[in-house]
Amino acid sequence: MKSTKEQDHPDIVAWPPLIFSVCTIAGVIFHFIFPVPIMRYPWSLAIGLALALSSASLAIWAARVMKAAGTNVRPDRPALAIVTSGPYRFTRNPMYLSLVLLQLAIGFMLDGLIPMLFVVATLIILHFGVVLREESYLEGKFGEQYLTLKRQVRRWI
């Protein structure tokens, strides 16, 4: 039988950076096999760089706020607090949103439609394999405190 400590985390399907990496790498590979440009490269590159910078800023901000609140950043570890400040005032999942933005950035920097289509796969896996499982876990652990957050803050954007 598992101890309580081992069970005190959401049962996610995979670590979110791994989901992002697999989907992004698959998109890049298919891009080089079947390149489908989306716009003139200088514009695509500029958009990609802006998205990458936004992604990094959001991820750093979210991680700092979580650490300041005294909770674990990694979703495979116990949640110790509900975070309602920083980017968590606007989205319940800023770190996952930053992964999606980074994947879009890579698609734009490659000027490729195929890598961007793989964002859909990332979103589906994150939504059903991570986010919904985390929400269930947080509802069970924090009850009304988390339900209030759900009513006040959007899941994604």
N, C-alpha and C. Protein backbone atom coordinates (compact mmCIF):
# COMPACT_ATOMS: atom_id res chain seq x y z
N MET A 1 0.84 -1.19 0.00
CA MET A 1 0.00 0.00 0.00
C MET A 1 0.88 1.25 0.00
N LYS A 2 0.49 2.25 -0.80
CA LYS A 2 1.27 3.48 -0.87
C LYS A 2 1.02 4.33 0.37
N SER A 3 2.04 5.04 0.76
CA SER A 3 1.89 5.95 1.90
C SER A 3 1.13 7.19 1.45
N THR A 4 0.63 7.96 2.40
CA THR A 4 -0.10 9.18 2.10
C THR A 4 0.78 10.15 1.33
N LYS A 5 2.06 10.23 1.71
CA LYS A 5 2.97 11.15 1.04
C LYS A 5 3.09 10.83 -0.45
N GLU A 6 3.15 9.54 -0.79
CA GLU A 6 3.27 9.15 -2.19
C GLU A 6 2.01 9.47 -2.98
N GLN A 7 0.85 9.51 -2.33
CA GLN A 7 -0.40 9.76 -3.01
C GLN A 7 -0.74 11.24 -3.08
N ASP A 8 -0.01 12.09 -2.40
CA ASP A 8 -0.34 13.51 -2.33
C ASP A 8 0.24 14.27 -3.52
N HIS A 9 -0.30 13.95 -4.69
CA HIS A 9 0.04 14.67 -5.92
C HIS A 9 -0.96 14.24 -6.99
N PRO A 10 -1.16 15.08 -7.98
CA PRO A 10 -2.08 14.67 -9.05
C PRO A 10 -1.46 13.54 -9.86
N ASP A 11 -2.28 12.67 -10.34
CA ASP A 11 -1.82 11.52 -11.12
C ASP A 11 -1.75 11.92 -12.59
N ILE A 12 -0.76 12.76 -12.91
CA ILE A 12 -0.62 13.25 -14.29
C ILE A 12 -0.04 12.17 -15.19
N VAL A 13 -0.34 12.26 -16.49
CA VAL A 13 0.12 11.22 -17.42
C VAL A 13 1.62 11.30 -17.69
N ALA A 14 2.16 12.50 -17.66
CA ALA A 14 3.60 12.70 -17.90
C ALA A 14 3.98 14.10 -17.43
N TRP A 15 5.24 14.29 -17.20
CA TRP A 15 5.75 15.58 -16.78
C TRP A 15 5.54 16.57 -17.93
N PRO A 16 4.88 17.71 -17.71
CA PRO A 16 4.54 18.63 -18.79
C PRO A 16 5.70 19.03 -19.71
N PRO A 17 6.91 19.30 -19.21
CA PRO A 17 8.00 19.60 -20.17
C PRO A 17 8.30 18.43 -21.11
N LEU A 18 8.06 17.21 -20.65
CA LEU A 18 8.26 16.04 -21.52
C LEU A 18 7.19 16.02 -22.62
N ILE A 19 5.95 16.30 -22.26
CA ILE A 19 4.87 16.37 -23.25
C ILE A 19 5.21 17.42 -24.29
N PHE A 20 5.60 18.61 -23.82
CA PHE A 20 5.99 19.69 -24.72
C PHE A 20 7.14 19.25 -25.63
N SER A 21 8.17 18.64 -25.07
CA SER A 21 9.35 18.25 -25.84
C SER A 21 9.02 17.24 -26.93
N VAL A 22 8.25 16.23 -26.58
CA VAL A 22 7.91 15.19 -27.56
C VAL A 22 7.08 15.79 -28.70
N CYS A 23 6.07 16.58 -28.36
CA CYS A 23 5.23 17.18 -29.40
C CYS A 23 6.02 18.18 -30.26
N THR A 24 6.89 18.94 -29.63
CA THR A 24 7.68 19.92 -30.38
C THR A 24 8.67 19.23 -31.30
N ILE A 25 9.36 18.24 -30.79
CA ILE A 25 10.33 17.51 -31.62
C ILE A 25 9.63 16.84 -32.80
N ALA A 26 8.47 16.23 -32.54
CA ALA A 26 7.71 15.59 -33.62
C ALA A 26 7.32 16.64 -34.67
N GLY A 27 6.85 17.79 -34.22
CA GLY A 27 6.48 18.85 -35.14
C GLY A 27 7.65 19.34 -35.98
N VAL A 28 8.82 19.46 -35.34
CA VAL A 28 10.01 19.93 -36.07
C VAL A 28 10.45 18.88 -37.09
N ILE A 29 10.42 17.63 -36.71
CA ILE A 29 10.81 16.57 -37.65
C ILE A 29 9.88 16.57 -38.87
N PHE A 30 8.57 16.62 -38.61
CA PHE A 30 7.62 16.65 -39.73
C PHE A 30 7.76 17.92 -40.56
N HIS A 31 8.14 19.02 -39.92
CA HIS A 31 8.36 20.27 -40.65
C HIS A 31 9.49 20.09 -41.68
N PHE A 32 10.55 19.41 -41.30
CA PHE A 32 11.66 19.24 -42.23
C PHE A 32 11.35 18.22 -43.31
N ILE A 33 10.39 17.33 -43.04
CA ILE A 33 9.98 16.36 -44.06
C ILE A 33 8.95 16.99 -45.00
N PHE A 34 8.00 17.73 -44.42
CA PHE A 34 6.91 18.36 -45.18
C PHE A 34 6.83 19.85 -44.84
N PRO A 35 7.76 20.66 -45.30
CA PRO A 35 7.73 22.08 -44.94
C PRO A 35 6.54 22.81 -45.57
N VAL A 36 5.81 23.52 -44.73
CA VAL A 36 4.69 24.34 -45.19
C VAL A 36 4.88 25.73 -44.57
N PRO A 37 5.48 26.66 -45.34
CA PRO A 37 5.71 28.00 -44.78
C PRO A 37 4.39 28.73 -44.53
N ILE A 38 4.43 29.67 -43.57
CA ILE A 38 3.20 30.38 -43.21
C ILE A 38 3.22 31.85 -43.61
N MET A 39 4.41 32.44 -43.70
CA MET A 39 4.51 33.85 -44.07
C MET A 39 5.95 34.17 -44.44
N ARG A 40 6.21 35.41 -44.75
CA ARG A 40 7.59 35.81 -45.06
C ARG A 40 8.44 35.61 -43.81
N TYR A 41 9.62 35.04 -44.00
CA TYR A 41 10.43 34.63 -42.86
C TYR A 41 10.79 35.76 -41.90
N PRO A 42 11.15 36.96 -42.32
CA PRO A 42 11.48 37.99 -41.33
C PRO A 42 10.32 38.26 -40.36
N TRP A 43 9.09 38.25 -40.86
CA TRP A 43 7.93 38.46 -39.99
C TRP A 43 7.73 37.27 -39.07
N SER A 44 7.85 36.10 -39.62
CA SER A 44 7.69 34.88 -38.84
C SER A 44 8.72 34.80 -37.72
N LEU A 45 9.96 35.13 -38.05
CA LEU A 45 11.01 35.11 -37.04
C LEU A 45 10.74 36.14 -35.94
N ALA A 46 10.33 37.33 -36.32
CA ALA A 46 10.05 38.38 -35.33
C ALA A 46 8.92 37.96 -34.39
N ILE A 47 7.87 37.39 -34.95
CA ILE A 47 6.75 36.92 -34.11
C ILE A 47 7.23 35.80 -33.19
N GLY A 48 8.01 34.88 -33.74
CA GLY A 48 8.52 33.77 -32.94
C GLY A 48 9.39 34.23 -31.78
N LEU A 49 10.26 35.19 -32.05
CA LEU A 49 11.12 35.70 -30.98
C LEU A 49 10.30 36.41 -29.90
N ALA A 50 9.30 37.18 -30.32
CA ALA A 50 8.43 37.86 -29.35
C ALA A 50 7.67 36.84 -28.49
N LEU A 51 7.16 35.79 -29.12
CA LEU A 51 6.46 34.75 -28.37
C LEU A 51 7.40 34.01 -27.42
N ALA A 52 8.62 33.74 -27.86
CA ALA A 52 9.59 33.06 -27.01
C ALA A 52 9.93 33.90 -25.78
N LEU A 53 10.10 35.19 -25.99
CA LEU A 53 10.38 36.09 -24.87
C LEU A 53 9.19 36.15 -23.92
N SER A 54 7.99 36.22 -24.46
CA SER A 54 6.78 36.22 -23.63
C SER A 54 6.66 34.92 -22.84
N SER A 55 6.94 33.82 -23.50
CA SER A 55 6.88 32.52 -22.85
C SER A 55 7.85 32.42 -21.69
N ALA A 56 9.09 32.82 -21.93
CA ALA A 56 10.10 32.75 -20.87
C ALA A 56 9.73 33.67 -19.70
N SER A 57 9.26 34.85 -20.00
CA SER A 57 8.88 35.80 -18.96
C SER A 57 7.74 35.24 -18.11
N LEU A 58 6.74 34.68 -18.76
CA LEU A 58 5.60 34.12 -18.05
C LEU A 58 6.02 32.94 -17.17
N ALA A 59 6.85 32.06 -17.70
CA ALA A 59 7.30 30.89 -16.93
C ALA A 59 8.11 31.31 -15.71
N ILE A 60 9.02 32.24 -15.88
CA ILE A 60 9.85 32.71 -14.76
C ILE A 60 8.99 33.38 -13.71
N TRP A 61 8.08 34.24 -14.14
CA TRP A 61 7.18 34.93 -13.22
C TRP A 61 6.34 33.93 -12.43
N ALA A 62 5.75 32.96 -13.13
CA ALA A 62 4.90 31.96 -12.48
C ALA A 62 5.70 31.12 -11.48
N ALA A 63 6.88 30.69 -11.85
CA ALA A 63 7.70 29.88 -10.95
C ALA A 63 8.10 30.67 -9.71
N ARG A 64 8.46 31.92 -9.88
CA ARG A 64 8.84 32.75 -8.73
C ARG A 64 7.67 32.96 -7.78
N VAL A 65 6.49 33.19 -8.34
CA VAL A 65 5.30 33.39 -7.50
C VAL A 65 4.97 32.11 -6.74
N MET A 66 5.07 30.97 -7.40
CA MET A 66 4.79 29.70 -6.72
C MET A 66 5.79 29.46 -5.60
N LYS A 67 7.05 29.69 -5.86
CA LYS A 67 8.07 29.50 -4.82
C LYS A 67 7.86 30.46 -3.67
N ALA A 68 7.50 31.71 -3.97
CA ALA A 68 7.24 32.70 -2.92
C ALA A 68 6.03 32.29 -2.07
N ALA A 69 5.07 31.60 -2.67
CA ALA A 69 3.89 31.14 -1.94
C ALA A 69 4.18 29.89 -1.12
N GLY A 70 5.37 29.32 -1.32
CA GLY A 70 5.76 28.15 -0.53
C GLY A 70 5.20 26.84 -1.02
N THR A 71 4.92 26.75 -2.30
CA THR A 71 4.40 25.50 -2.84
C THR A 71 5.36 24.95 -3.89
N ASN A 72 5.16 23.70 -4.23
CA ASN A 72 6.01 23.05 -5.23
C ASN A 72 5.65 23.51 -6.63
N VAL A 73 6.66 23.71 -7.45
CA VAL A 73 6.46 24.09 -8.84
C VAL A 73 6.11 22.86 -9.67
N ARG A 74 6.74 21.76 -9.36
CA ARG A 74 6.53 20.53 -10.14
C ARG A 74 5.18 19.90 -9.82
N PRO A 75 4.42 19.52 -10.85
CA PRO A 75 3.09 18.95 -10.62
C PRO A 75 3.10 17.51 -10.11
N ASP A 76 4.27 16.88 -10.07
CA ASP A 76 4.32 15.52 -9.54
C ASP A 76 4.68 15.51 -8.06
N ARG A 77 4.65 16.68 -7.45
CA ARG A 77 4.90 16.83 -6.01
C ARG A 77 3.66 17.43 -5.36
N PRO A 78 3.53 17.30 -4.05
CA PRO A 78 2.32 17.83 -3.39
C PRO A 78 2.16 19.34 -3.54
N ALA A 79 0.92 19.75 -3.75
CA ALA A 79 0.60 21.19 -3.72
C ALA A 79 0.48 21.56 -2.25
N LEU A 80 1.13 22.64 -1.87
CA LEU A 80 1.12 23.07 -0.47
C LEU A 80 0.27 24.31 -0.25
N ALA A 81 -0.08 24.99 -1.33
CA ALA A 81 -0.89 26.20 -1.23
C ALA A 81 -1.55 26.48 -2.57
N ILE A 82 -2.64 27.22 -2.53
CA ILE A 82 -3.29 27.71 -3.75
C ILE A 82 -2.71 29.09 -4.03
N VAL A 83 -2.18 29.28 -5.22
CA VAL A 83 -1.54 30.54 -5.57
C VAL A 83 -2.54 31.40 -6.34
N THR A 84 -2.71 32.64 -5.88
CA THR A 84 -3.70 33.54 -6.49
C THR A 84 -3.10 34.88 -6.89
N SER A 85 -1.80 34.99 -6.84
CA SER A 85 -1.16 36.26 -7.19
C SER A 85 -0.34 36.10 -8.47
N GLY A 86 0.26 37.20 -8.91
CA GLY A 86 1.06 37.16 -10.13
C GLY A 86 0.23 36.73 -11.32
N PRO A 87 0.78 35.90 -12.19
CA PRO A 87 0.03 35.49 -13.38
C PRO A 87 -1.17 34.61 -13.05
N TYR A 88 -1.19 34.07 -11.84
CA TYR A 88 -2.30 33.21 -11.42
C TYR A 88 -3.58 34.01 -11.19
N ARG A 89 -3.51 35.32 -11.27
CA ARG A 89 -4.72 36.16 -11.22
C ARG A 89 -5.45 36.12 -12.56
N PHE A 90 -4.74 35.75 -13.64
CA PHE A 90 -5.31 35.79 -14.99
C PHE A 90 -5.53 34.41 -15.59
N THR A 91 -4.74 33.44 -15.18
CA THR A 91 -4.84 32.08 -15.70
C THR A 91 -4.43 31.11 -14.60
N ARG A 92 -5.15 29.99 -14.51
CA ARG A 92 -4.78 28.99 -13.49
C ARG A 92 -3.59 28.16 -13.93
N ASN A 93 -3.19 28.28 -15.19
CA ASN A 93 -2.12 27.44 -15.72
C ASN A 93 -1.07 28.23 -16.49
N PRO A 94 -0.45 29.23 -15.87
CA PRO A 94 0.50 30.04 -16.63
C PRO A 94 1.74 29.28 -17.09
N MET A 95 2.15 28.28 -16.35
CA MET A 95 3.35 27.54 -16.76
C MET A 95 3.05 26.67 -17.99
N TYR A 96 1.87 26.08 -18.04
CA TYR A 96 1.50 25.29 -19.21
C TYR A 96 1.24 26.22 -20.40
N LEU A 97 0.66 27.36 -20.13
CA LEU A 97 0.46 28.36 -21.18
C LEU A 97 1.80 28.80 -21.75
N SER A 98 2.81 28.93 -20.90
CA SER A 98 4.14 29.32 -21.39
C SER A 98 4.73 28.23 -22.29
N LEU A 99 4.48 26.96 -21.98
CA LEU A 99 4.96 25.88 -22.85
C LEU A 99 4.29 25.95 -24.22
N VAL A 100 3.00 26.23 -24.24
CA VAL A 100 2.27 26.34 -25.50
C VAL A 100 2.77 27.54 -26.30
N LEU A 101 3.00 28.66 -25.62
CA LEU A 101 3.55 29.84 -26.30
C LEU A 101 4.93 29.54 -26.89
N LEU A 102 5.74 28.81 -26.15
CA LEU A 102 7.08 28.46 -26.64
C LEU A 102 6.99 27.55 -27.85
N GLN A 103 6.06 26.63 -27.82
CA GLN A 103 5.90 25.74 -28.97
C GLN A 103 5.43 26.54 -30.20
N LEU A 104 4.52 27.47 -30.00
CA LEU A 104 4.12 28.36 -31.10
C LEU A 104 5.31 29.18 -31.59
N ALA A 105 6.11 29.67 -30.66
CA ALA A 105 7.29 30.46 -31.02
C ALA A 105 8.23 29.66 -31.92
N ILE A 106 8.44 28.42 -31.58
CA ILE A 106 9.32 27.57 -32.38
C ILE A 106 8.73 27.39 -33.78
N GLY A 107 7.43 27.19 -33.86
CA GLY A 107 6.77 27.07 -35.16
C GLY A 107 6.95 28.32 -36.00
N PHE A 108 6.78 29.49 -35.37
CA PHE A 108 6.98 30.74 -36.10
C PHE A 108 8.45 30.92 -36.49
N MET A 109 9.38 30.60 -35.58
CA MET A 109 10.79 30.78 -35.91
C MET A 109 11.23 29.86 -37.05
N LEU A 110 10.56 28.71 -37.17
CA LEU A 110 10.84 27.81 -38.29
C LEU A 110 10.02 28.18 -39.53
N ASP A 111 9.07 29.11 -39.36
CA ASP A 111 8.13 29.48 -40.41
C ASP A 111 7.45 28.23 -40.94
N GLY A 112 6.89 27.46 -40.00
CA GLY A 112 6.27 26.21 -40.41
C GLY A 112 4.90 25.97 -39.81
N LEU A 113 3.96 25.61 -40.66
CA LEU A 113 2.62 25.29 -40.21
C LEU A 113 2.57 23.98 -39.42
N ILE A 114 3.33 22.99 -39.85
CA ILE A 114 3.29 21.67 -39.21
C ILE A 114 3.64 21.75 -37.72
N PRO A 115 4.74 22.43 -37.33
CA PRO A 115 5.03 22.51 -35.89
C PRO A 115 3.90 23.19 -35.11
N MET A 116 3.21 24.13 -35.75
CA MET A 116 2.11 24.80 -35.06
C MET A 116 0.91 23.88 -34.89
N LEU A 117 0.71 22.98 -35.84
CA LEU A 117 -0.39 22.03 -35.71
C LEU A 117 -0.16 21.09 -34.53
N PHE A 118 1.09 20.82 -34.22
CA PHE A 118 1.39 19.96 -33.08
C PHE A 118 1.07 20.63 -31.74
N VAL A 119 0.85 21.93 -31.76
CA VAL A 119 0.40 22.64 -30.55
C VAL A 119 -0.94 22.08 -30.11
N VAL A 120 -1.77 21.69 -31.07
CA VAL A 120 -3.07 21.12 -30.74
C VAL A 120 -2.89 19.83 -29.95
N ALA A 121 -1.95 18.99 -30.36
CA ALA A 121 -1.67 17.75 -29.63
C ALA A 121 -1.19 18.07 -28.21
N THR A 122 -0.31 19.05 -28.10
CA THR A 122 0.18 19.44 -26.77
C THR A 122 -0.97 19.90 -25.89
N LEU A 123 -1.83 20.75 -26.44
CA LEU A 123 -2.97 21.26 -25.67
C LEU A 123 -3.90 20.13 -25.22
N ILE A 124 -4.17 19.19 -26.10
CA ILE A 124 -5.07 18.08 -25.76
C ILE A 124 -4.46 17.22 -24.66
N ILE A 125 -3.20 16.88 -24.82
CA ILE A 125 -2.55 16.04 -23.80
C ILE A 125 -2.45 16.78 -22.47
N LEU A 126 -2.05 18.05 -22.52
CA LEU A 126 -1.97 18.82 -21.28
C LEU A 126 -3.34 18.94 -20.62
N HIS A 127 -4.36 19.21 -21.42
CA HIS A 127 -5.69 19.41 -20.86
C HIS A 127 -6.21 18.14 -20.17
N PHE A 128 -6.23 17.04 -20.92
CA PHE A 128 -6.81 15.81 -20.38
C PHE A 128 -5.86 15.02 -19.49
N GLY A 129 -4.57 15.08 -19.77
CA GLY A 129 -3.62 14.27 -19.02
C GLY A 129 -3.00 14.97 -17.82
N VAL A 130 -3.10 16.30 -17.77
CA VAL A 130 -2.47 17.03 -16.68
C VAL A 130 -3.47 17.97 -15.98
N VAL A 131 -4.01 18.92 -16.71
CA VAL A 131 -4.83 19.98 -16.10
C VAL A 131 -6.07 19.41 -15.40
N LEU A 132 -6.86 18.59 -16.07
CA LEU A 132 -8.06 18.05 -15.44
C LEU A 132 -7.72 17.19 -14.22
N ARG A 133 -6.64 16.47 -14.30
CA ARG A 133 -6.20 15.65 -13.16
C ARG A 133 -5.74 16.52 -12.00
N GLU A 134 -5.02 17.60 -12.32
CA GLU A 134 -4.60 18.53 -11.27
C GLU A 134 -5.81 19.19 -10.62
N GLU A 135 -6.77 19.59 -11.44
CA GLU A 135 -7.96 20.24 -10.89
C GLU A 135 -8.70 19.32 -9.93
N SER A 136 -8.85 18.07 -10.30
CA SER A 136 -9.52 17.11 -9.42
C SER A 136 -8.74 16.96 -8.10
N TYR A 137 -7.44 16.85 -8.22
CA TYR A 137 -6.57 16.74 -7.03
C TYR A 137 -6.71 17.97 -6.14
N LEU A 138 -6.65 19.16 -6.74
CA LEU A 138 -6.71 20.40 -5.96
C LEU A 138 -8.09 20.59 -5.32
N GLU A 139 -9.15 20.19 -6.02
CA GLU A 139 -10.49 20.26 -5.43
C GLU A 139 -10.58 19.37 -4.21
N GLY A 140 -10.03 18.16 -4.33
CA GLY A 140 -10.05 17.24 -3.20
C GLY A 140 -9.21 17.71 -2.03
N LYS A 141 -8.09 18.33 -2.33
CA LYS A 141 -7.17 18.75 -1.27
C LYS A 141 -7.58 20.08 -0.62
N PHE A 142 -8.01 21.05 -1.44
CA PHE A 142 -8.27 22.39 -0.92
C PHE A 142 -9.75 22.77 -0.88
N GLY A 143 -10.61 21.95 -1.47
CA GLY A 143 -12.04 22.17 -1.39
C GLY A 143 -12.50 23.52 -1.90
N GLU A 144 -13.28 24.21 -1.07
CA GLU A 144 -13.91 25.47 -1.45
C GLU A 144 -12.90 26.54 -1.85
N GLN A 145 -11.72 26.54 -1.24
CA GLN A 145 -10.70 27.53 -1.60
C GLN A 145 -10.34 27.40 -3.09
N TYR A 146 -10.18 26.18 -3.57
CA TYR A 146 -9.84 25.99 -4.98
C TYR A 146 -11.07 26.23 -5.87
N LEU A 147 -12.25 25.81 -5.42
CA LEU A 147 -13.46 26.03 -6.21
C LEU A 147 -13.72 27.53 -6.41
N THR A 148 -13.41 28.33 -5.41
CA THR A 148 -13.54 29.78 -5.53
C THR A 148 -12.58 30.30 -6.61
N LEU A 149 -11.35 29.81 -6.58
CA LEU A 149 -10.37 30.21 -7.60
C LEU A 149 -10.87 29.83 -9.00
N LYS A 150 -11.44 28.64 -9.13
CA LYS A 150 -11.95 28.19 -10.43
C LYS A 150 -13.05 29.12 -10.95
N ARG A 151 -13.87 29.62 -10.05
CA ARG A 151 -14.94 30.53 -10.47
C ARG A 151 -14.40 31.91 -10.86
N GLN A 152 -13.26 32.30 -10.30
CA GLN A 152 -12.75 33.64 -10.50
C GLN A 152 -11.69 33.76 -11.61
N VAL A 153 -10.99 32.66 -11.89
CA VAL A 153 -9.86 32.72 -12.83
C VAL A 153 -10.04 31.65 -13.91
N ARG A 154 -9.82 32.06 -15.14
CA ARG A 154 -9.94 31.14 -16.27
C ARG A 154 -8.88 30.05 -16.22
N ARG A 155 -9.20 28.93 -16.85
CA ARG A 155 -8.26 27.81 -16.89
C ARG A 155 -7.03 28.15 -17.72
N TRP A 156 -7.23 28.69 -18.91
CA TRP A 156 -6.10 28.99 -19.79
C TRP A 156 -5.91 30.50 -19.93
N ILE A 157 -6.75 31.14 -20.73
CA ILE A 157 -6.65 32.62 -20.86
C ILE A 157 -8.03 33.21 -20.96
